[in-house]
C-alpha atoms as a PDB file:
ATOM      1  CA  MET A   1     121.190 -32.690 275.914  1.00  0.00           C
ATOM      2  CA  LYS A   2     119.398 -32.930 272.580  1.00  0.00           C
ATOM      3  CA  GLU A   3     117.400 -36.053 271.874  1.00  0.00           C
ATOM      4  CA  PHE A   4     118.141 -38.329 268.915  1.00  0.00           C
ATOM      5  CA  TRP A   5     115.715 -40.671 267.265  1.00  0.00           C
ATOM      6  CA  LEU A   6     115.281 -42.310 263.875  1.00  0.00           C
ATOM      7  CA  LEU A   7     111.920 -42.312 262.135  1.00  0.00           C
ATOM      8  CA  GLN A   8     110.732 -45.083 259.831  1.00  0.00           C
ATOM      9  CA  ASN A   9     110.726 -42.856 256.743  1.00  0.00           C
ATOM     10  CA  SER A  10     114.474 -42.451 257.113  1.00  0.00           C
ATOM     11  CA  PHE A  11     115.037 -38.893 258.138  1.00  0.00           C
ATOM     12  CA  LEU A  12     116.785 -37.944 261.357  1.00  0.00           C
ATOM     13  CA  ILE A  13     115.611 -35.330 263.793  1.00  0.00           C
ATOM     14  CA  LEU A  14     118.245 -33.587 265.836  1.00  0.00           C
ATOM     15  CA  GLY A  15     116.612 -30.583 267.454  1.00  0.00           C
ATOM     16  CA  ASP A  16     115.382 -29.214 264.090  1.00  0.00           C
ATOM     17  CA  LYS A  17     113.546 -31.479 261.654  1.00  0.00           C
ATOM     18  CA  MET A  18     115.587 -32.839 258.761  1.00  0.00           C
ATOM     19  CA  TYR A  19     114.185 -32.913 255.233  1.00  0.00           C
ATOM     20  CA  SER A  20     112.397 -35.948 253.889  1.00  0.00           C
ATOM     21  CA  ALA A  21     112.784 -36.933 250.227  1.00  0.00           C
ATOM     22  CA  VAL A  22     109.435 -35.326 249.356  1.00  0.00           C
ATOM     23  CA  GLU A  23     110.339 -32.106 251.175  1.00  0.00           C
ATOM     24  CA  LEU A  24     113.703 -32.051 249.406  1.00  0.00           C
ATOM     25  CA  LYS A  25     111.897 -32.101 246.055  1.00  0.00           C
ATOM     26  CA  GLU A  26     109.979 -28.948 247.026  1.00  0.00           C
ATOM     27  CA  LEU A  27     112.999 -26.868 248.095  1.00  0.00           C
ATOM     28  CA  THR A  28     113.778 -23.593 246.340  1.00  0.00           C
ATOM     29  CA  VAL A  29     117.171 -23.098 248.027  1.00  0.00           C
ATOM     30  CA  LYS A  30     119.873 -25.671 248.619  1.00  0.00           C
ATOM     31  CA  PRO A  31     119.802 -27.475 251.981  1.00  0.00           C
ATOM     32  CA  ARG A  32     122.602 -27.431 254.529  1.00  0.00           C
ATOM     33  CA  ILE A  33     124.568 -30.653 254.802  1.00  0.00           C
ATOM     34  CA  ASN A  34     123.218 -31.042 258.348  1.00  0.00           C
ATOM     35  CA  ASP A  35     119.641 -30.909 257.026  1.00  0.00           C
ATOM     36  CA  ILE A  36     119.904 -34.101 254.951  1.00  0.00           C
ATOM     37  CA  THR A  37     120.883 -37.722 255.369  1.00  0.00           C
ATOM     38  CA  LEU A  38     122.473 -40.070 252.904  1.00  0.00           C
ATOM     39  CA  ASN A  39     119.455 -42.352 253.014  1.00  0.00           C
ATOM     40  CA  VAL A  40     117.140 -39.438 252.206  1.00  0.00           C
ATOM     41  CA  LEU A  41     119.260 -38.754 249.109  1.00  0.00           C
ATOM     42  CA  ARG A  42     118.959 -42.446 248.230  1.00  0.00           C
ATOM     43  CA  GLU A  43     115.182 -42.300 248.662  1.00  0.00           C
ATOM     44  CA  TYR A  44     115.060 -39.098 246.598  1.00  0.00           C
ATOM     45  CA  TYR A  45     116.973 -40.819 243.789  1.00  0.00           C
ATOM     46  CA  GLU A  46     114.735 -43.886 244.044  1.00  0.00           C
ATOM     47  CA  MET A  47     111.512 -41.850 243.969  1.00  0.00           C
ATOM     48  CA  PHE A  48     112.242 -39.053 241.503  1.00  0.00           C
ATOM     49  CA  LEU A  49     114.861 -40.444 239.104  1.00  0.00           C
ATOM     50  CA  CYS A  50     114.991 -44.247 238.957  1.00  0.00           C
ATOM     51  CA  PRO A  51     111.367 -44.833 237.840  1.00  0.00           C
ATOM     52  CA  PHE A  52     111.658 -42.772 234.665  1.00  0.00           C
ATOM     53  CA  ILE A  53     113.009 -42.891 231.136  1.00  0.00           C
ATOM     54  CA  TYR A  54     113.937 -39.442 229.827  1.00  0.00           C
ATOM     55  CA  THR A  55     113.996 -38.965 226.061  1.00  0.00           C
ATOM     56  CA  TYR A  56     115.818 -36.080 224.360  1.00  0.00           C
ATOM     57  CA  THR A  57     116.408 -34.756 220.882  1.00  0.00           C
ATOM     58  CA  VAL A  58     120.097 -33.888 220.600  1.00  0.00           C
ATOM     59  CA  LYS A  59     121.207 -31.483 217.876  1.00  0.00           C
ATOM     60  CA  SER A  60     124.809 -30.731 216.972  1.00  0.00           C
ATOM     61  CA  LYS A  61     126.200 -28.899 213.944  1.00  0.00           C
ATOM     62  CA  ASN A  62     126.021 -31.876 211.617  1.00  0.00           C
ATOM     63  CA  ASN A  63     123.778 -34.334 213.387  1.00  0.00           C
ATOM     64  CA  GLN A  64     120.405 -34.820 215.058  1.00  0.00           C
ATOM     65  CA  ARG A  65     119.460 -37.877 217.069  1.00  0.00           C
ATOM     66  CA  THR A  66     117.242 -39.127 219.871  1.00  0.00           C
ATOM     67  CA  ILE A  67     118.657 -40.493 223.119  1.00  0.00           C
ATOM     68  CA  SER A  68     117.109 -42.044 226.219  1.00  0.00           C
ATOM     69  CA  VAL A  69     118.462 -41.630 229.752  1.00  0.00           C
ATOM     70  CA  ARG A  70     117.846 -44.042 232.630  1.00  0.00           C
ATOM     71  CA  PHE A  71     118.941 -44.131 236.254  1.00  0.00           C
ATOM     72  CA  ASN A  72     119.691 -47.211 238.346  1.00  0.00           C
ATOM     73  CA  SER A  73     120.609 -48.038 241.910  1.00  0.00           C
ATOM     74  CA  TYR A  74     124.012 -49.423 240.931  1.00  0.00           C
ATOM     75  CA  ASN A  75     125.385 -45.970 239.999  1.00  0.00           C
ATOM     76  CA  PHE A  76     124.124 -44.056 243.032  1.00  0.00           C
ATOM     77  CA  CYS A  77     127.231 -44.398 245.205  1.00  0.00           C
ATOM     78  CA  HIS A  78     129.510 -43.429 242.342  1.00  0.00           C
ATOM     79  CA  LEU A  79     127.512 -40.270 241.597  1.00  0.00           C
ATOM     80  CA  LEU A  80     127.973 -39.116 245.197  1.00  0.00           C
ATOM     81  CA  GLY A  81     131.662 -40.029 245.385  1.00  0.00           C
ATOM     82  CA  ILE A  82     131.158 -42.545 248.181  1.00  0.00           C
ATOM     83  CA  GLU A  83     133.746 -44.999 246.910  1.00  0.00           C
ATOM     84  CA  SER A  84     136.314 -42.185 246.598  1.00  0.00           C
ATOM     85  CA  ILE A  85     135.789 -41.357 250.277  1.00  0.00           C
ATOM     86  CA  ALA A  86     136.186 -44.954 251.424  1.00  0.00           C
ATOM     87  CA  LYS A  87     138.986 -46.094 249.109  1.00  0.00           C
ATOM     88  CA  PRO A  88     141.960 -44.692 251.078  1.00  0.00           C
ATOM     89  CA  ALA A  89     140.461 -45.757 254.408  1.00  0.00           C
ATOM     90  CA  VAL A  90     139.295 -49.377 254.024  1.00  0.00           C
ATOM     91  CA  ARG A  91     140.747 -52.651 252.819  1.00  0.00           C
ATOM     92  CA  LEU A  92     140.321 -53.470 249.153  1.00  0.00           C
ATOM     93  CA  SER A  93     138.207 -56.470 250.175  1.00  0.00           C
ATOM     94  CA  GLU A  94     135.780 -54.101 251.958  1.00  0.00           C
ATOM     95  CA  LEU A  95     135.419 -51.543 249.155  1.00  0.00           C
ATOM     96  CA  HIS A  96     132.375 -53.299 247.699  1.00  0.00           C
ATOM     97  CA  ASN A  97     130.430 -52.019 250.726  1.00  0.00           C
ATOM     98  CA  TYR A  98     130.716 -48.488 249.332  1.00  0.00           C
ATOM     99  CA  ARG A  99     129.788 -49.033 245.686  1.00  0.00           C
ATOM    100  CA  GLY A 100     127.191 -50.677 243.485  1.00  0.00           C
ATOM    101  CA  GLU A 101     124.286 -52.616 244.936  1.00  0.00           C
ATOM    102  CA  ASP A 102     126.123 -53.414 248.189  1.00  0.00           C
ATOM    103  CA  GLY A 103     126.686 -49.711 248.820  1.00  0.00           C
ATOM    104  CA  TRP A 104     123.062 -48.938 247.968  1.00  0.00           C
ATOM    105  CA  ASN A 105     121.809 -51.577 250.421  1.00  0.00           C
ATOM    106  CA  ASN A 106     124.202 -50.486 253.182  1.00  0.00           C
ATOM    107  CA  ILE A 107     122.891 -46.926 252.899  1.00  0.00           C
ATOM    108  CA  LYS A 108     119.315 -48.214 252.984  1.00  0.00           C
ATOM    109  CA  ASP A 109     120.093 -50.291 256.084  1.00  0.00           C
ATOM    110  CA  GLY A 110     121.773 -47.371 257.866  1.00  0.00           C
ATOM    111  CA  ILE A 111     125.228 -48.967 257.863  1.00  0.00           C
ATOM    112  CA  VAL A 112     126.748 -46.240 255.671  1.00  0.00           C
ATOM    113  CA  ASP A 113     125.725 -42.670 256.453  1.00  0.00           C
ATOM    114  CA  ILE A 114     127.252 -39.202 256.366  1.00  0.00           C
ATOM    115  CA  ARG A 115     128.678 -39.491 259.861  1.00  0.00           C
ATOM    116  CA  HIS A 116     130.382 -42.750 258.927  1.00  0.00           C
ATOM    117  CA  LEU A 117     131.857 -41.232 255.752  1.00  0.00           C
ATOM    118  CA  LYS A 118     133.227 -38.268 257.711  1.00  0.00           C
ATOM    119  CA  GLN A 119     134.884 -40.638 260.155  1.00  0.00           C
ATOM    120  CA  LEU A 120     136.458 -42.603 257.309  1.00  0.00           C
ATOM    121  CA  ASN A 121     137.908 -39.649 255.418  1.00  0.00           C
ATOM    122  CA  ARG A 122     136.838 -36.158 256.424  1.00  0.00           C
ATOM    123  CA  ARG A 123     139.065 -34.398 253.885  1.00  0.00           C
ATOM    124  CA  GLN A 124     137.672 -36.275 250.899  1.00  0.00           C
ATOM    125  CA  PHE A 125     134.137 -35.905 252.220  1.00  0.00           C
ATOM    126  CA  GLN A 126     134.657 -32.129 252.212  1.00  0.00           C
ATOM    127  CA  ASN A 127     135.879 -32.375 248.607  1.00  0.00           C
ATOM    128  CA  VAL A 128     132.624 -33.988 247.451  1.00  0.00           C
ATOM    129  CA  LYS A 129     130.178 -32.406 249.931  1.00  0.00           C
ATOM    130  CA  ALA A 130     128.772 -30.045 247.277  1.00  0.00           C
ATOM    131  CA  LYS A 131     127.377 -33.104 245.444  1.00  0.00           C
ATOM    132  CA  TYR A 132     125.160 -33.811 248.457  1.00  0.00           C
ATOM    133  CA  VAL A 133     123.695 -30.333 248.915  1.00  0.00           C
ATOM    134  CA  TYR A 134     123.082 -29.786 245.183  1.00  0.00           C
ATOM    135  CA  PHE A 135     121.809 -33.301 244.479  1.00  0.00           C
ATOM    136  CA  TYR A 136     118.173 -32.203 244.887  1.00  0.00           C
ATOM    137  CA  LEU A 137     118.521 -30.149 241.682  1.00  0.00           C
ATOM    138  CA  MET A 138     119.097 -33.116 239.390  1.00  0.00           C
ATOM    139  CA  PRO A 139     115.422 -33.523 238.348  1.00  0.00           C
ATOM    140  CA  SER A 140     115.324 -29.799 237.469  1.00  0.00           C
ATOM    141  CA  LEU A 141     118.500 -30.141 235.437  1.00  0.00           C
ATOM    142  CA  LEU A 142     116.955 -32.994 233.455  1.00  0.00           C
ATOM    143  CA  GLU A 143     113.943 -30.878 232.513  1.00  0.00           C
ATOM    144  CA  SER A 144     115.870 -28.276 230.497  1.00  0.00           C
ATOM    145  CA  PRO A 145     119.609 -28.967 230.393  1.00  0.00           C
ATOM    146  CA  LEU A 146     122.322 -27.098 228.606  1.00  0.00           C
ATOM    147  CA  ALA A 147     124.786 -29.556 227.097  1.00  0.00           C
ATOM    148  CA  VAL A 148     128.092 -30.176 225.349  1.00  0.00           C
ATOM    149  CA  ASN A 149     129.704 -33.068 223.553  1.00  0.00           C
ATOM    150  CA  TYR A 150     132.384 -33.642 226.154  1.00  0.00           C
ATOM    151  CA  ASP A 151     136.055 -34.265 225.375  1.00  0.00           C
ATOM    152  CA  LYS A 152     138.215 -34.484 228.498  1.00  0.00           C
ATOM    153  CA  SER A 153     141.377 -33.781 226.480  1.00  0.00           C
ATOM    154  CA  LYS A 154     140.135 -30.188 226.114  1.00  0.00           C
ATOM    155  CA  VAL A 155     139.952 -29.634 229.880  1.00  0.00           C
ATOM    156  CA  MET A 156     142.836 -27.741 231.462  1.00  0.00           C
ATOM    157  CA  PRO A 157     144.243 -28.607 233.901  1.00  0.00           C
ATOM    158  CA  PRO A 158     143.845 -32.290 232.951  1.00  0.00           C
ATOM    159  CA  THR A 159     141.015 -34.225 234.555  1.00  0.00           C
ATOM    160  CA  ARG A 160     139.944 -37.823 235.033  1.00  0.00           C
ATOM    161  CA  ILE A 161     136.279 -36.860 234.632  1.00  0.00           C
ATOM    162  CA  ASP A 162     135.046 -38.542 231.486  1.00  0.00           C
ATOM    163  CA  CYS A 163     131.716 -39.009 229.699  1.00  0.00           C
ATOM    164  CA  GLU A 164     130.186 -38.635 226.253  1.00  0.00           C
ATOM    165  CA  ILE A 165     127.567 -35.919 226.861  1.00  0.00           C
ATOM    166  CA  LEU A 166     127.676 -33.406 229.696  1.00  0.00           C
ATOM    167  CA  PHE A 167     124.437 -31.817 230.898  1.00  0.00           C
ATOM    168  CA  TYR A 168     124.844 -28.691 233.007  1.00  0.00           C
ATOM    169  CA  SER A 169     123.036 -25.749 234.537  1.00  0.00           C
ATOM    170  CA  THR A 170     123.924 -22.832 236.819  1.00  0.00           C
ATOM    171  CA  TYR A 171     122.435 -22.351 240.286  1.00  0.00           C
ATOM    172  CA  ASP A 172     123.566 -20.025 243.082  1.00  0.00           C
ATOM    173  CA  ASN A 173     126.903 -19.186 241.449  1.00  0.00           C
ATOM    174  CA  ALA A 174     127.686 -22.857 240.945  1.00  0.00           C
ATOM    175  CA  VAL A 175     127.455 -25.123 237.910  1.00  0.00           C
ATOM    176  CA  ILE A 176     126.015 -28.596 238.385  1.00  0.00           C
ATOM    177  CA  HIS A 177     127.042 -31.232 235.857  1.00  0.00           C
ATOM    178  CA  LEU A 178     125.644 -34.619 234.937  1.00  0.00           C
ATOM    179  CA  GLY A 179     127.836 -36.704 232.635  1.00  0.00           C
ATOM    180  CA  LEU A 180     126.142 -39.337 230.481  1.00  0.00           C
ATOM    181  CA  GLU A 181     127.574 -42.413 228.812  1.00  0.00           C
ATOM    182  CA  LYS A 182     125.894 -44.869 226.448  1.00  0.00           C
ATOM    183  CA  VAL A 183     125.549 -48.381 227.836  1.00  0.00           C
ATOM    184  CA  GLU A 184     127.503 -50.851 225.747  1.00  0.00           C
ATOM    185  CA  ARG A 185     125.235 -52.975 223.537  1.00  0.00           C
ATOM    186  CA  GLU A 186     122.174 -50.989 224.681  1.00  0.00           C
ATOM    187  CA  GLU A 187     120.230 -48.092 223.202  1.00  0.00           C
ATOM    188  CA  TYR A 188     120.175 -45.843 226.246  1.00  0.00           C
ATOM    189  CA  TYR A 189     122.441 -43.645 228.377  1.00  0.00           C
ATOM    190  CA  ILE A 190     123.138 -43.766 232.107  1.00  0.00           C
ATOM    191  CA  PRO A 191     124.645 -41.165 234.443  1.00  0.00           C
ATOM    192  CA  ARG A 192     128.385 -41.679 234.739  1.00  0.00           C
ATOM    193  CA  THR A 193     129.346 -38.674 236.844  1.00  0.00           C
ATOM    194  CA  PHE A 194     127.748 -35.891 238.873  1.00  0.00           C
ATOM    195  CA  PHE A 195     129.771 -32.950 240.142  1.00  0.00           C
ATOM    196  CA  VAL A 196     129.571 -29.292 241.103  1.00  0.00           C
ATOM    197  CA  GLU A 197     131.923 -26.523 240.038  1.00  0.00           C
ATOM    198  CA  LYS A 198     131.792 -23.388 242.212  1.00  0.00           C
ATOM    199  CA  LEU A 199     132.261 -20.066 240.412  1.00  0.00           C
ATOM    200  CA  GLY A 200     134.229 -17.667 242.570  1.00  0.00           C
ATOM    201  CA  LYS A 201     133.196 -14.432 240.877  1.00  0.00           C
ATOM    202  CA  GLU A 202     131.267 -13.084 237.898  1.00  0.00           C
ATOM    203  CA  GLY A 203     133.008 -13.914 234.658  1.00  0.00           C
ATOM    204  CA  ASP A 204     134.667 -17.084 235.958  1.00  0.00           C
ATOM    205  CA  LYS A 205     134.720 -19.856 233.376  1.00  0.00           C
ATOM    206  CA  ASP A 206     133.711 -23.434 233.962  1.00  0.00           C
ATOM    207  CA  ILE A 207     136.741 -25.430 232.752  1.00  0.00           C
ATOM    208  CA  TYR A 208     134.534 -28.445 231.978  1.00  0.00           C
ATOM    209  CA  ILE A 209     132.353 -26.466 229.563  1.00  0.00           C
ATOM    210  CA  ASP A 210     134.887 -24.036 228.126  1.00  0.00           C
ATOM    211  CA  ASN A 211     136.199 -25.092 224.678  1.00  0.00           C
ATOM    212  CA  GLN A 212     133.674 -27.941 224.378  1.00  0.00           C
ATOM    213  CA  GLU A 213     131.266 -28.368 221.451  1.00  0.00           C
ATOM    214  CA  GLU A 214     127.904 -26.949 222.460  1.00  0.00           C
ATOM    215  CA  ILE A 215     124.845 -28.984 221.512  1.00  0.00           C
ATOM    216  CA  THR A 216     121.110 -28.375 221.800  1.00  0.00           C
ATOM    217  CA  VAL A 217     119.150 -30.793 223.971  1.00  0.00           C
ATOM    218  CA  ILE A 218     115.348 -30.763 224.038  1.00  0.00           C
ATOM    219  CA  LYS A 219     113.428 -32.994 226.409  1.00  0.00           C
ATOM    220  CA  GLU A 220     110.716 -34.854 224.492  1.00  0.00           C
ATOM    221  CA  SER A 221     109.243 -37.115 227.173  1.00  0.00           C
ATOM    222  CA  LYS A 222     109.510 -38.509 230.672  1.00  0.00           C
ATOM    223  CA  ILE A 223     107.766 -41.838 231.093  1.00  0.00           C
ATOM    224  CA  ILE A 224     107.608 -44.431 233.840  1.00  0.00           C
ATOM    225  CA  MET A 225     109.571 -47.590 233.122  1.00  0.00           C
ATOM    226  CA  LEU A 226     107.409 -50.703 232.977  1.00  0.00           C
END
């Protein structure tokens, strides 16, 4: 029988060694879902995204402006679809454990993990699993994104996915997307949605990009928040 044990730096070993956050950053191919833990993804987000402010020049047909993008712990669960997994399976009064700061802390404390999410709602976990295995690519996406001014009314079939600007890039016959929304009464953007669209064959169109207004995005700086 294989031995289980949990190391202090939050990666699990089950026969073969699982990736740490630092090792995940160095990957050149996507990991298997069994090679990562939810807390490693949280650590990865905390180490390689949350500390930084990204600044971009955004050019459209009739406009040019500068935007800043920041990441925070509050949005982590939403980006990985954790609340959507738990919502059909837990009481409304318990849903806070799977979103926002409570969700973040429960992942950090080992209360919410991939095994737990599968037990809650295996079907919905399968629907969002691609987010987990492609999540390591988000820093690369932020370095040189393609982008559109996103209008969900142009997406067919209709979608609930909404944002103002949609960053995207293609990897391994899949398109990863990061949707950005400006924070009300602030001068910066935060990630509102992260999702992956698999392309079945060459020539397939990404319905979230097709018919949208293409814009040019140039990264100007990446600085540590004080």
